[in-house]
Amino acid sequence: MTVSSGLNIRVLYFEFKPVARHQQNCPNAGTNTWETTRYTWDAFTGETRRTVFRFACHACGMVAFEAVDGEMTSQEWTHASQVGYGSKPEKVAGLWLHPGARLMAGDDQGPREFYVTRTKDRPTTPDEVTGVVAWHFGKRMGVRWSAGFGLTGHGTAAKVAGIDFRSRHAAVAWIAGQAAGGEQ
């Protein structure tokens, strides 16, 4: 039996509800316009263990997740500023930073890590990522930055700087130097 076979005309037209709400000033407010994507986590046996649907509006920054674990479902509505994905990229040292999630919702530190790209376009494959920068606490609990150049297919840096940087800008500048073919 297919999923749609149990749905009558009334259900198909009137009973489906929006998965999330746009912000009031969003040009997509009052519509069901969303980037809709799916992630599946498969067990080693190949069996799908969890499916997560992501609904993102790049105009207003609203992001919704709906997870299905067997017969259990869960939903989360948040803003791109909390999860990173869907946020506008920031230009630093001639490269574009695409934020990841915050360490904790609403924290003051901001996103913990950023993918670095040559263009403003959101990366869709590891090949489009020039590097990655991330903050961590140093020996005296100050914020330090690490940098990696290139990205493997597993999402880890192909080459790491091996040193801590005092600022995010300095870490990105190291990646820019690597991209230009030089050592910094």
N, C-alpha and C. Protein backbone atom coordinates (compact mmCIF):
# COMPACT_ATOMS: atom_id res chain seq x y z
N MET A 1 0.85 -1.18 0.00
CA MET A 1 0.00 0.00 0.00
C MET A 1 0.90 1.24 0.00
N THR A 2 0.59 2.20 -0.83
CA THR A 2 1.33 3.45 -0.85
C THR A 2 0.74 4.41 0.19
N VAL A 3 1.53 5.39 0.58
CA VAL A 3 1.08 6.36 1.57
C VAL A 3 -0.14 7.11 1.06
N SER A 4 -0.11 7.52 -0.20
CA SER A 4 -1.20 8.35 -0.73
C SER A 4 -2.51 7.59 -0.95
N SER A 5 -2.47 6.27 -0.98
CA SER A 5 -3.69 5.52 -1.28
C SER A 5 -4.77 5.66 -0.20
N GLY A 6 -4.39 6.00 1.02
CA GLY A 6 -5.38 6.15 2.09
C GLY A 6 -5.88 7.56 2.26
N LEU A 7 -5.54 8.45 1.34
CA LEU A 7 -5.91 9.85 1.47
C LEU A 7 -7.01 10.20 0.48
N ASN A 8 -8.13 10.65 1.00
CA ASN A 8 -9.22 11.04 0.10
C ASN A 8 -9.06 12.49 -0.34
N ILE A 9 -9.95 12.93 -1.21
CA ILE A 9 -9.84 14.27 -1.78
C ILE A 9 -9.91 15.36 -0.71
N ARG A 10 -10.76 15.20 0.28
CA ARG A 10 -10.87 16.19 1.35
C ARG A 10 -9.54 16.33 2.09
N VAL A 11 -8.96 15.20 2.43
CA VAL A 11 -7.67 15.22 3.14
C VAL A 11 -6.59 15.85 2.27
N LEU A 12 -6.53 15.45 1.01
CA LEU A 12 -5.49 15.97 0.12
C LEU A 12 -5.57 17.48 -0.05
N TYR A 13 -6.77 18.04 -0.08
CA TYR A 13 -6.91 19.47 -0.31
C TYR A 13 -6.96 20.31 0.97
N PHE A 14 -7.56 19.77 2.04
CA PHE A 14 -7.86 20.63 3.18
C PHE A 14 -7.16 20.26 4.49
N GLU A 15 -6.65 19.06 4.60
CA GLU A 15 -6.13 18.61 5.89
C GLU A 15 -4.61 18.70 6.04
N PHE A 16 -3.88 18.90 4.98
CA PHE A 16 -2.43 19.08 5.09
C PHE A 16 -2.15 20.47 5.62
N LYS A 17 -1.34 20.57 6.64
CA LYS A 17 -1.06 21.85 7.30
C LYS A 17 0.40 22.24 7.06
N PRO A 18 0.71 23.53 7.13
CA PRO A 18 2.10 23.96 6.96
C PRO A 18 2.99 23.31 8.01
N VAL A 19 4.22 23.00 7.62
CA VAL A 19 5.16 22.37 8.55
C VAL A 19 5.80 23.40 9.49
N ALA A 20 5.77 24.65 9.11
CA ALA A 20 6.35 25.71 9.94
C ALA A 20 5.74 27.03 9.50
N ARG A 21 6.05 28.07 10.24
CA ARG A 21 5.52 29.39 9.92
C ARG A 21 6.66 30.32 9.55
N HIS A 22 6.43 31.09 8.51
CA HIS A 22 7.40 32.11 8.12
C HIS A 22 7.28 33.29 9.09
N GLN A 23 8.31 34.10 9.17
CA GLN A 23 8.22 35.32 9.95
C GLN A 23 7.29 36.28 9.21
N GLN A 24 6.66 37.19 9.95
CA GLN A 24 5.63 38.07 9.37
C GLN A 24 6.15 38.90 8.20
N ASN A 25 7.39 39.36 8.27
CA ASN A 25 7.91 40.23 7.21
C ASN A 25 8.52 39.44 6.05
N CYS A 26 8.39 38.13 6.05
CA CYS A 26 8.96 37.29 5.01
C CYS A 26 8.14 37.40 3.73
N PRO A 27 8.79 37.49 2.56
CA PRO A 27 8.02 37.53 1.32
C PRO A 27 7.26 36.22 1.07
N ASN A 28 7.63 35.14 1.76
CA ASN A 28 6.93 33.86 1.61
C ASN A 28 5.83 33.65 2.65
N ALA A 29 5.59 34.66 3.51
CA ALA A 29 4.54 34.53 4.53
C ALA A 29 3.20 34.25 3.85
N GLY A 30 2.45 33.35 4.44
CA GLY A 30 1.15 32.98 3.89
C GLY A 30 1.24 31.93 2.79
N THR A 31 2.46 31.43 2.54
CA THR A 31 2.62 30.40 1.51
C THR A 31 3.23 29.15 2.16
N ASN A 32 3.33 28.11 1.38
CA ASN A 32 4.02 26.89 1.81
C ASN A 32 5.31 26.73 1.03
N THR A 33 5.98 27.84 0.77
CA THR A 33 7.24 27.81 0.02
C THR A 33 8.39 27.53 0.98
N TRP A 34 8.98 26.35 0.85
CA TRP A 34 10.09 25.92 1.71
C TRP A 34 11.08 25.10 0.90
N GLU A 35 12.35 25.21 1.25
CA GLU A 35 13.32 24.24 0.74
C GLU A 35 13.10 22.99 1.59
N THR A 36 12.77 21.89 0.96
CA THR A 36 12.45 20.66 1.67
C THR A 36 13.47 19.59 1.31
N THR A 37 14.16 19.09 2.34
CA THR A 37 15.18 18.07 2.13
C THR A 37 15.04 16.98 3.17
N ARG A 38 15.68 15.84 2.90
CA ARG A 38 15.56 14.69 3.79
C ARG A 38 16.94 14.10 4.05
N TYR A 39 17.18 13.71 5.30
CA TYR A 39 18.41 13.02 5.70
C TYR A 39 18.00 11.69 6.33
N THR A 40 18.66 10.61 5.94
CA THR A 40 18.37 9.32 6.57
C THR A 40 19.64 8.79 7.22
N TRP A 41 19.47 8.26 8.41
CA TRP A 41 20.56 7.61 9.13
C TRP A 41 20.30 6.12 9.04
N ASP A 42 21.24 5.43 8.40
CA ASP A 42 21.07 4.00 8.19
C ASP A 42 21.99 3.22 9.11
N ALA A 43 21.50 2.10 9.61
CA ALA A 43 22.30 1.20 10.43
C ALA A 43 23.28 0.46 9.53
N PHE A 44 24.25 -0.20 10.14
CA PHE A 44 25.23 -0.96 9.36
C PHE A 44 24.57 -2.05 8.51
N THR A 45 23.40 -2.48 8.91
CA THR A 45 22.67 -3.51 8.16
C THR A 45 22.00 -2.93 6.91
N GLY A 46 22.01 -1.60 6.77
CA GLY A 46 21.36 -0.95 5.65
C GLY A 46 19.94 -0.51 5.96
N GLU A 47 19.44 -0.90 7.11
CA GLU A 47 18.09 -0.52 7.51
C GLU A 47 18.06 0.95 7.94
N THR A 48 17.07 1.69 7.46
CA THR A 48 16.93 3.09 7.86
C THR A 48 16.45 3.14 9.30
N ARG A 49 17.22 3.81 10.14
CA ARG A 49 16.90 3.92 11.56
C ARG A 49 16.20 5.22 11.90
N ARG A 50 16.53 6.28 11.17
CA ARG A 50 15.94 7.59 11.47
C ARG A 50 15.89 8.41 10.18
N THR A 51 14.79 9.09 9.99
CA THR A 51 14.65 10.00 8.86
C THR A 51 14.32 11.37 9.42
N VAL A 52 15.06 12.39 8.95
CA VAL A 52 14.82 13.76 9.39
C VAL A 52 14.54 14.60 8.15
N PHE A 53 13.41 15.30 8.17
CA PHE A 53 13.05 16.23 7.12
C PHE A 53 13.42 17.63 7.59
N ARG A 54 14.05 18.41 6.71
CA ARG A 54 14.40 19.80 7.04
C ARG A 54 13.63 20.70 6.10
N PHE A 55 12.95 21.68 6.67
CA PHE A 55 12.21 22.68 5.92
C PHE A 55 12.87 24.02 6.24
N ALA A 56 13.41 24.70 5.22
CA ALA A 56 14.13 25.95 5.46
C ALA A 56 13.61 27.04 4.53
N CYS A 57 13.46 28.23 5.08
CA CYS A 57 13.13 29.41 4.29
C CYS A 57 14.35 30.33 4.33
N HIS A 58 14.97 30.51 3.18
CA HIS A 58 16.17 31.34 3.14
C HIS A 58 15.85 32.84 3.11
N ALA A 59 14.58 33.17 2.96
CA ALA A 59 14.18 34.58 2.98
C ALA A 59 14.04 35.10 4.41
N CYS A 60 13.40 34.32 5.29
CA CYS A 60 13.18 34.80 6.67
C CYS A 60 14.01 34.05 7.71
N GLY A 61 14.64 32.96 7.31
CA GLY A 61 15.51 32.25 8.24
C GLY A 61 14.84 31.21 9.12
N MET A 62 13.58 30.95 8.91
CA MET A 62 12.92 29.93 9.73
C MET A 62 13.34 28.54 9.24
N VAL A 63 13.57 27.64 10.19
CA VAL A 63 13.96 26.27 9.89
C VAL A 63 13.14 25.35 10.77
N ALA A 64 12.61 24.30 10.17
CA ALA A 64 11.85 23.30 10.92
C ALA A 64 12.43 21.93 10.61
N PHE A 65 12.42 21.07 11.63
CA PHE A 65 12.88 19.70 11.47
C PHE A 65 11.76 18.77 11.92
N GLU A 66 11.57 17.70 11.20
CA GLU A 66 10.62 16.67 11.61
C GLU A 66 11.35 15.33 11.49
N ALA A 67 11.47 14.64 12.61
CA ALA A 67 12.20 13.38 12.65
C ALA A 67 11.24 12.22 12.83
N VAL A 68 11.52 11.14 12.15
CA VAL A 68 10.72 9.92 12.26
C VAL A 68 11.67 8.80 12.68
N ASP A 69 11.45 8.26 13.87
CA ASP A 69 12.20 7.13 14.40
C ASP A 69 11.21 5.98 14.57
N GLY A 70 11.13 5.12 13.60
CA GLY A 70 10.13 4.06 13.68
C GLY A 70 8.75 4.68 13.64
N GLU A 71 7.99 4.48 14.71
CA GLU A 71 6.64 5.04 14.77
C GLU A 71 6.60 6.36 15.54
N MET A 72 7.72 6.77 16.12
CA MET A 72 7.75 8.03 16.88
C MET A 72 8.19 9.17 15.98
N THR A 73 7.55 10.33 16.15
CA THR A 73 7.94 11.52 15.42
C THR A 73 8.21 12.64 16.41
N SER A 74 9.07 13.56 16.01
CA SER A 74 9.33 14.74 16.81
C SER A 74 9.50 15.92 15.86
N GLN A 75 9.20 17.11 16.37
CA GLN A 75 9.28 18.32 15.56
C GLN A 75 10.04 19.39 16.33
N GLU A 76 10.74 20.22 15.57
CA GLU A 76 11.46 21.35 16.15
C GLU A 76 11.35 22.52 15.18
N TRP A 77 11.00 23.69 15.70
CA TRP A 77 10.98 24.92 14.92
C TRP A 77 12.03 25.82 15.52
N THR A 78 12.84 26.42 14.69
CA THR A 78 13.90 27.28 15.18
C THR A 78 14.23 28.32 14.12
N HIS A 79 15.28 29.04 14.34
CA HIS A 79 15.73 30.06 13.40
C HIS A 79 17.12 29.68 12.90
N ALA A 80 17.43 30.08 11.68
CA ALA A 80 18.73 29.76 11.09
C ALA A 80 19.88 30.26 11.96
N SER A 81 19.69 31.33 12.71
CA SER A 81 20.76 31.84 13.57
C SER A 81 21.14 30.84 14.65
N GLN A 82 20.26 29.90 14.96
CA GLN A 82 20.55 28.89 15.98
C GLN A 82 21.21 27.64 15.40
N VAL A 83 20.80 27.24 14.20
CA VAL A 83 21.34 26.02 13.60
C VAL A 83 22.39 26.29 12.52
N GLY A 84 22.51 27.52 12.11
CA GLY A 84 23.50 27.87 11.10
C GLY A 84 22.97 27.74 9.69
N TYR A 85 22.48 26.57 9.33
CA TYR A 85 22.00 26.35 7.98
C TYR A 85 20.86 27.32 7.68
N GLY A 86 20.95 27.97 6.55
CA GLY A 86 19.94 28.94 6.15
C GLY A 86 20.33 30.37 6.48
N SER A 87 21.38 30.55 7.28
CA SER A 87 21.86 31.90 7.59
C SER A 87 22.58 32.49 6.40
N LYS A 88 22.63 33.79 6.36
CA LYS A 88 23.36 34.46 5.28
C LYS A 88 24.86 34.33 5.54
N PRO A 89 25.65 34.04 4.50
CA PRO A 89 27.09 33.92 4.69
C PRO A 89 27.72 35.29 4.93
N GLU A 90 28.89 35.26 5.54
CA GLU A 90 29.62 36.49 5.86
C GLU A 90 30.96 36.46 5.13
N LYS A 91 31.35 37.58 4.54
CA LYS A 91 32.62 37.65 3.82
C LYS A 91 33.74 38.05 4.77
N VAL A 92 34.78 37.23 4.82
CA VAL A 92 35.94 37.48 5.68
C VAL A 92 37.19 37.13 4.87
N ALA A 93 38.14 38.04 4.82
CA ALA A 93 39.43 37.83 4.14
C ALA A 93 39.23 37.34 2.70
N GLY A 94 38.21 37.85 2.04
CA GLY A 94 37.96 37.51 0.65
C GLY A 94 37.25 36.17 0.44
N LEU A 95 36.91 35.46 1.50
CA LEU A 95 36.20 34.19 1.41
C LEU A 95 34.86 34.30 2.13
N TRP A 96 34.00 33.34 1.90
CA TRP A 96 32.65 33.37 2.49
C TRP A 96 32.52 32.32 3.58
N LEU A 97 31.97 32.74 4.73
CA LEU A 97 31.78 31.85 5.87
C LEU A 97 30.31 31.48 5.98
N HIS A 98 30.05 30.16 6.02
CA HIS A 98 28.71 29.61 6.16
C HIS A 98 28.64 28.95 7.54
N PRO A 99 27.82 29.51 8.46
CA PRO A 99 27.84 29.05 9.85
C PRO A 99 27.23 27.69 10.09
N GLY A 100 27.76 27.03 11.10
CA GLY A 100 27.16 25.81 11.63
C GLY A 100 26.30 26.19 12.82
N ALA A 101 25.96 25.20 13.62
CA ALA A 101 25.08 25.43 14.77
C ALA A 101 25.84 26.07 15.93
N ARG A 102 25.09 26.70 16.80
CA ARG A 102 25.66 27.22 18.05
C ARG A 102 25.92 26.05 18.99
N LEU A 103 26.84 26.23 19.91
CA LEU A 103 27.14 25.18 20.88
C LEU A 103 25.91 24.88 21.72
N MET A 104 25.24 25.94 22.16
CA MET A 104 23.97 25.82 22.88
C MET A 104 23.02 26.89 22.35
N ALA A 105 21.76 26.61 22.31
CA ALA A 105 20.78 27.57 21.80
C ALA A 105 20.88 28.88 22.56
N GLY A 106 20.98 29.98 21.81
CA GLY A 106 21.00 31.30 22.40
C GLY A 106 22.30 31.72 23.05
N ASP A 107 23.38 30.95 22.90
CA ASP A 107 24.63 31.33 23.56
C ASP A 107 25.24 32.57 22.91
N ASP A 108 26.16 33.21 23.63
CA ASP A 108 26.79 34.43 23.14
C ASP A 108 27.98 34.18 22.22
N GLN A 109 28.46 32.95 22.16
CA GLN A 109 29.65 32.65 21.37
C GLN A 109 29.37 32.56 19.88
N GLY A 110 28.14 32.41 19.50
CA GLY A 110 27.80 32.27 18.09
C GLY A 110 28.08 30.87 17.60
N PRO A 111 28.04 30.70 16.29
CA PRO A 111 28.27 29.37 15.73
C PRO A 111 29.66 28.85 16.12
N ARG A 112 29.75 27.55 16.35
CA ARG A 112 31.02 26.94 16.75
C ARG A 112 31.95 26.76 15.56
N GLU A 113 31.39 26.50 14.39
CA GLU A 113 32.24 26.27 13.23
C GLU A 113 31.60 26.86 11.98
N PHE A 114 32.45 27.06 10.98
CA PHE A 114 32.02 27.64 9.71
C PHE A 114 32.67 26.89 8.57
N TYR A 115 31.90 26.62 7.52
CA TYR A 115 32.49 26.18 6.26
C TYR A 115 32.92 27.44 5.54
N VAL A 116 34.06 27.38 4.87
CA VAL A 116 34.62 28.51 4.15
C VAL A 116 34.59 28.18 2.66
N THR A 117 34.03 29.09 1.87
CA THR A 117 33.93 28.87 0.43
C THR A 117 34.47 30.09 -0.33
N ARG A 118 34.75 29.89 -1.60
CA ARG A 118 35.23 30.98 -2.46
C ARG A 118 34.07 31.85 -2.95
N THR A 119 32.87 31.29 -3.00
CA THR A 119 31.71 32.03 -3.48
C THR A 119 30.67 32.16 -2.38
N LYS A 120 29.73 33.05 -2.60
CA LYS A 120 28.65 33.29 -1.64
C LYS A 120 27.64 32.14 -1.61
N ASP A 121 27.66 31.31 -2.64
CA ASP A 121 26.69 30.23 -2.75
C ASP A 121 26.88 29.20 -1.63
N ARG A 122 25.76 28.75 -1.09
CA ARG A 122 25.76 27.74 -0.03
C ARG A 122 26.37 26.46 -0.59
N PRO A 123 27.36 25.86 0.09
CA PRO A 123 27.95 24.63 -0.44
C PRO A 123 26.95 23.47 -0.37
N THR A 124 26.97 22.65 -1.42
CA THR A 124 26.09 21.50 -1.47
C THR A 124 26.87 20.19 -1.51
N THR A 125 28.20 20.28 -1.73
CA THR A 125 29.07 19.10 -1.70
C THR A 125 30.39 19.48 -1.02
N PRO A 126 31.11 18.52 -0.47
CA PRO A 126 32.41 18.83 0.15
C PRO A 126 33.40 19.48 -0.81
N ASP A 127 33.30 19.20 -2.11
CA ASP A 127 34.20 19.79 -3.10
C ASP A 127 34.06 21.30 -3.19
N GLU A 128 32.93 21.84 -2.79
CA GLU A 128 32.70 23.28 -2.87
C GLU A 128 33.23 24.03 -1.64
N VAL A 129 33.77 23.30 -0.67
CA VAL A 129 34.26 23.91 0.56
C VAL A 129 35.78 24.07 0.48
N THR A 130 36.24 25.31 0.68
CA THR A 130 37.66 25.62 0.65
C THR A 130 38.33 25.27 1.97
N GLY A 131 37.59 25.39 3.06
CA GLY A 131 38.15 25.09 4.38
C GLY A 131 37.09 25.16 5.45
N VAL A 132 37.56 25.01 6.68
CA VAL A 132 36.66 25.06 7.83
C VAL A 132 37.41 25.74 8.97
N VAL A 133 36.71 26.62 9.71
CA VAL A 133 37.26 27.24 10.91
C VAL A 133 36.32 26.94 12.08
N ALA A 134 36.88 26.82 13.26
CA ALA A 134 36.08 26.52 14.45
C ALA A 134 36.73 27.16 15.66
N TRP A 135 35.91 27.57 16.61
CA TRP A 135 36.47 28.12 17.85
C TRP A 135 36.46 27.04 18.93
N HIS A 136 37.34 27.21 19.87
CA HIS A 136 37.43 26.35 21.05
C HIS A 136 38.06 27.17 22.17
N PHE A 137 38.00 26.67 23.36
CA PHE A 137 38.61 27.38 24.48
C PHE A 137 40.07 26.98 24.59
N GLY A 138 40.93 27.99 24.76
CA GLY A 138 42.36 27.75 24.92
C GLY A 138 42.70 27.37 26.36
N LYS A 139 43.99 27.31 26.65
CA LYS A 139 44.46 26.90 27.97
C LYS A 139 43.94 27.78 29.09
N ARG A 140 43.79 29.07 28.82
CA ARG A 140 43.32 30.01 29.84
C ARG A 140 41.84 30.35 29.65
N MET A 141 41.12 29.49 28.95
CA MET A 141 39.68 29.62 28.71
C MET A 141 39.31 30.79 27.80
N GLY A 142 40.29 31.30 27.05
CA GLY A 142 39.99 32.30 26.03
C GLY A 142 39.60 31.60 24.74
N VAL A 143 38.88 32.30 23.89
CA VAL A 143 38.47 31.72 22.61
C VAL A 143 39.65 31.72 21.65
N ARG A 144 39.93 30.57 21.08
CA ARG A 144 40.96 30.39 20.07
C ARG A 144 40.31 29.80 18.83
N TRP A 145 40.94 29.95 17.70
CA TRP A 145 40.38 29.47 16.44
C TRP A 145 41.33 28.48 15.77
N SER A 146 40.76 27.44 15.21
CA SER A 146 41.52 26.47 14.43
C SER A 146 41.07 26.58 12.98
N ALA A 147 41.93 26.13 12.07
CA ALA A 147 41.61 26.22 10.65
C ALA A 147 42.06 24.96 9.94
N GLY A 148 41.28 24.59 8.94
CA GLY A 148 41.63 23.47 8.07
C GLY A 148 41.39 23.86 6.63
N PHE A 149 42.24 23.35 5.75
CA PHE A 149 42.13 23.65 4.33
C PHE A 149 41.58 22.44 3.60
N GLY A 150 40.64 22.67 2.70
CA GLY A 150 40.04 21.58 1.95
C GLY A 150 39.12 20.77 2.83
N LEU A 151 38.37 19.90 2.23
CA LEU A 151 37.42 19.08 2.97
C LEU A 151 37.39 17.70 2.35
N THR A 152 37.44 16.68 3.19
CA THR A 152 37.33 15.31 2.70
C THR A 152 35.86 15.00 2.45
N GLY A 153 35.60 13.87 1.84
CA GLY A 153 34.23 13.44 1.62
C GLY A 153 33.47 13.16 2.89
N HIS A 154 34.21 13.01 4.01
CA HIS A 154 33.58 12.77 5.32
C HIS A 154 33.32 14.06 6.08
N GLY A 155 33.69 15.21 5.49
CA GLY A 155 33.43 16.50 6.13
C GLY A 155 34.50 16.97 7.09
N THR A 156 35.69 16.35 7.07
CA THR A 156 36.79 16.79 7.92
C THR A 156 37.82 17.51 7.07
N ALA A 157 38.63 18.34 7.70
CA ALA A 157 39.63 19.11 6.97
C ALA A 157 40.68 18.18 6.37
N ALA A 158 41.06 18.45 5.12
CA ALA A 158 42.09 17.66 4.46
C ALA A 158 43.48 18.02 4.98
N LYS A 159 43.69 19.29 5.35
CA LYS A 159 44.97 19.76 5.88
C LYS A 159 44.66 20.72 7.02
N VAL A 160 45.23 20.49 8.20
CA VAL A 160 44.98 21.38 9.33
C VAL A 160 46.16 22.32 9.54
N ALA A 161 45.88 23.49 10.07
CA ALA A 161 46.92 24.48 10.30
C ALA A 161 47.91 24.02 11.36
N GLY A 162 47.43 23.30 12.36
CA GLY A 162 48.31 22.82 13.41
C GLY A 162 48.65 23.86 14.47
N ILE A 163 48.07 25.04 14.35
CA ILE A 163 48.27 26.10 15.35
C ILE A 163 46.92 26.72 15.66
N ASP A 164 46.85 27.39 16.81
CA ASP A 164 45.65 28.14 17.15
C ASP A 164 45.82 29.58 16.70
N PHE A 165 44.70 30.18 16.30
CA PHE A 165 44.71 31.58 15.89
C PHE A 165 43.94 32.39 16.92
N ARG A 166 44.33 33.65 17.07
CA ARG A 166 43.68 34.52 18.06
C ARG A 166 42.34 35.05 17.60
N SER A 167 42.09 35.01 16.29
CA SER A 167 40.83 35.54 15.77
C SER A 167 40.34 34.66 14.62
N ARG A 168 39.06 34.77 14.38
CA ARG A 168 38.46 34.06 13.25
C ARG A 168 39.05 34.58 11.95
N HIS A 169 39.26 35.89 11.87
CA HIS A 169 39.83 36.50 10.67
C HIS A 169 41.20 35.90 10.36
N ALA A 170 42.03 35.74 11.37
CA ALA A 170 43.36 35.17 11.16
C ALA A 170 43.28 33.72 10.67
N ALA A 171 42.34 32.96 11.21
CA ALA A 171 42.16 31.57 10.77
C ALA A 171 41.72 31.53 9.31
N VAL A 172 40.80 32.41 8.93
CA VAL A 172 40.32 32.45 7.54
C VAL A 172 41.45 32.94 6.63
N ALA A 173 42.25 33.89 7.09
CA ALA A 173 43.37 34.38 6.29
C ALA A 173 44.36 33.24 6.00
N TRP A 174 44.55 32.33 6.96
CA TRP A 174 45.43 31.17 6.72
C TRP A 174 44.86 30.32 5.58
N ILE A 175 43.55 30.08 5.59
CA ILE A 175 42.90 29.31 4.52
C ILE A 175 43.06 30.04 3.19
N ALA A 176 42.87 31.36 3.19
CA ALA A 176 43.02 32.14 1.96
C ALA A 176 44.44 31.99 1.42
N GLY A 177 45.42 31.99 2.31
CA GLY A 177 46.82 31.80 1.88
C GLY A 177 47.03 30.41 1.28
N GLN A 178 46.44 29.41 1.87
CA GLN A 178 46.54 28.04 1.33
C GLN A 178 45.88 27.97 -0.04
N ALA A 179 44.72 28.62 -0.17
CA ALA A 179 44.00 28.60 -1.44
C ALA A 179 44.78 29.31 -2.54
N ALA A 180 45.56 30.31 -2.14
CA ALA A 180 46.38 31.05 -3.11
C ALA A 180 47.67 30.30 -3.44
N GLY A 181 47.89 29.18 -2.75
CA GLY A 181 49.07 28.36 -3.04
C GLY A 181 50.28 28.71 -2.21
N GLY A 182 50.11 29.55 -1.19
CA GLY A 182 51.24 29.96 -0.37
C GLY A 182 51.16 29.41 1.04
N GLU A 183 52.20 29.60 1.77
CA GLU A 183 52.25 29.21 3.19
C GLU A 183 52.09 30.48 4.01
N GLN A 184 51.26 30.41 5.05
CA GLN A 184 51.10 31.55 5.95
C GLN A 184 51.24 31.09 7.37
